[in-house]
Amino acid sequence: MINGFVLDIINENTEEITVSLFTNKEIPTGVSITAKNSNYDYNSLLLMSINEGFMGGGISTDDERICQVTVFKNNISCNYEFHKILDNMEIILDGRKNYIILTIPPSSKSFVQLMPFFK
């Protein structure tokens, strides 16, 4: 499994948009996602999640308006509220039954990090 990543998420829409990350659902129109400091686009990362999986120890963001995440583990959801950082948990993303959902603020550019997992 790959340990963590950082994404730039841009929402060009005038309303907040819910985005399912690392699942087979399409990214909504007006939203773009790229890997920060790498040459990978979102589709490449999605394939990496399916082939190898991602593991993280939490989520952080630079945008305090992103304050809730839904984590799906084997298609069972759990909602978490946080302020810029949610840690001390194990998050696995596999492009199938394990993924996350975030609500992205309108007209925004934010980073979202799957923080590395350390045992």
Protein backbone atom coordinates (compact mmCIF):
# COMPACT_ATOMS: atom_id res chain seq x y z
CA MET A 1 0.00 0.00 0.00
CA ILE A 2 1.05 3.54 -0.72
CA ASN A 3 1.30 5.74 2.36
CA GLY A 4 -0.53 9.07 1.97
CA PHE A 5 -0.79 11.80 -0.68
CA VAL A 6 -1.59 15.51 -1.09
CA LEU A 7 -4.27 16.70 -3.53
CA ASP A 8 -5.10 20.12 -4.91
CA ILE A 9 -8.88 20.36 -5.32
CA ILE A 10 -10.36 23.27 -7.25
CA ASN A 11 -14.10 23.93 -7.25
CA GLU A 12 -15.01 26.48 -9.93
CA ASN A 13 -18.73 26.19 -9.16
CA THR A 14 -20.64 28.85 -7.24
CA GLU A 15 -22.06 26.27 -4.83
CA GLU A 16 -20.45 23.67 -2.62
CA ILE A 17 -19.94 20.31 -4.28
CA THR A 18 -19.78 16.85 -2.73
CA VAL A 19 -16.90 14.81 -4.13
CA SER A 20 -16.41 11.07 -3.78
CA LEU A 21 -12.68 10.43 -3.84
CA PHE A 22 -11.19 7.11 -4.91
CA THR A 23 -14.36 5.43 -6.09
CA ASN A 24 -15.85 4.82 -9.52
CA LYS A 25 -18.07 7.93 -9.31
CA GLU A 26 -17.13 10.71 -11.72
CA ILE A 27 -15.66 13.95 -10.46
CA PRO A 28 -18.39 16.64 -10.76
CA THR A 29 -18.24 19.22 -13.55
CA GLY A 30 -16.28 22.30 -12.49
CA VAL A 31 -14.08 20.37 -10.05
CA SER A 32 -10.47 19.46 -10.81
CA ILE A 33 -8.17 17.30 -8.73
CA THR A 34 -4.41 16.96 -9.13
CA ALA A 35 -1.68 15.45 -7.02
CA LYS A 36 0.43 18.16 -5.44
CA ASN A 37 4.15 18.01 -6.26
CA SER A 38 3.86 15.08 -8.64
CA ASN A 39 3.08 14.28 -12.24
CA TYR A 40 0.02 12.18 -11.42
CA ASP A 41 -3.48 13.25 -12.33
CA TYR A 42 -6.52 12.05 -10.41
CA ASN A 43 -7.22 9.16 -12.80
CA SER A 44 -3.67 7.88 -12.28
CA LEU A 45 -4.13 8.06 -8.51
CA LEU A 46 -7.47 6.24 -8.80
CA LEU A 47 -5.75 3.41 -10.71
CA MET A 48 -3.01 3.33 -8.08
CA SER A 49 -5.66 3.00 -5.36
CA ILE A 50 -7.26 0.06 -7.20
CA ASN A 51 -3.94 -1.68 -7.94
CA GLU A 52 -1.98 -0.96 -4.76
CA GLY A 53 -4.26 0.90 -2.34
CA PHE A 54 -3.57 3.94 -0.19
CA MET A 55 -3.24 3.90 3.58
CA GLY A 56 -3.40 6.97 5.76
CA GLY A 57 -3.46 7.96 9.40
CA GLY A 58 -5.91 10.85 8.97
CA ILE A 59 -6.88 13.80 6.82
CA SER A 60 -5.74 17.41 6.86
CA THR A 61 -6.70 20.46 4.82
CA ASP A 62 -5.78 24.12 4.54
CA ASP A 63 -9.44 25.16 4.21
CA GLU A 64 -11.39 25.35 7.47
CA ARG A 65 -14.63 25.24 5.46
CA ILE A 66 -13.85 21.59 4.72
CA CYS A 67 -14.89 20.36 8.13
CA GLN A 68 -16.51 16.97 7.55
CA VAL A 69 -15.46 13.75 5.86
CA THR A 70 -17.37 10.54 5.31
CA VAL A 71 -15.08 7.52 5.37
CA PHE A 72 -16.34 4.32 3.79
CA LYS A 73 -14.80 1.09 5.03
CA ASN A 74 -16.17 -1.97 3.25
CA ASN A 75 -19.08 0.19 2.05
CA ILE A 76 -20.02 1.12 5.64
CA SER A 77 -19.94 4.88 6.21
CA CYS A 78 -18.80 6.84 9.21
CA ASN A 79 -18.97 10.66 9.38
CA TYR A 80 -16.29 12.71 11.10
CA GLU A 81 -16.21 16.43 11.83
CA PHE A 82 -12.84 18.13 12.16
CA HIS A 83 -11.04 21.46 12.07
CA LYS A 84 -8.18 21.31 9.54
CA ILE A 85 -6.89 17.95 10.87
CA LEU A 86 -8.39 14.56 11.66
CA ASP A 87 -5.81 12.11 12.90
CA ASN A 88 -5.22 8.94 14.92
CA MET A 89 -7.21 6.74 12.59
CA GLU A 90 -6.58 4.25 9.83
CA ILE A 91 -7.98 5.14 6.41
CA ILE A 92 -7.66 2.72 3.52
CA LEU A 93 -8.60 3.70 -0.04
CA ASP A 94 -8.94 0.95 -2.62
CA GLY A 95 -11.06 2.48 -5.38
CA ARG A 96 -13.93 0.13 -4.58
CA LYS A 97 -15.41 -0.38 -1.09
CA ASN A 98 -13.02 1.94 0.77
CA TYR A 99 -13.19 5.62 -0.16
CA ILE A 100 -13.95 9.09 1.22
CA ILE A 101 -16.48 11.84 0.52
CA LEU A 102 -15.73 15.54 1.09
CA THR A 103 -17.83 18.66 0.56
CA ILE A 104 -15.75 21.26 -1.26
CA PRO A 105 -16.63 24.97 -0.74
CA PRO A 106 -17.74 27.10 -3.70
CA SER A 107 -15.15 28.97 -5.79
CA SER A 108 -12.26 27.48 -3.85
CA LYS A 109 -8.79 25.99 -4.20
CA SER A 110 -7.86 23.72 -1.31
CA PHE A 111 -5.37 21.04 -0.52
CA VAL A 112 -6.41 17.79 1.09
CA GLN A 113 -3.83 15.43 2.49
CA LEU A 114 -4.17 11.78 3.36
CA MET A 115 -1.62 11.87 6.15
CA PRO A 116 0.91 9.03 6.34
CA PHE A 117 0.01 6.11 8.59
CA PHE A 118 2.58 5.13 11.20
CA LYS A 119 2.24 2.10 13.45
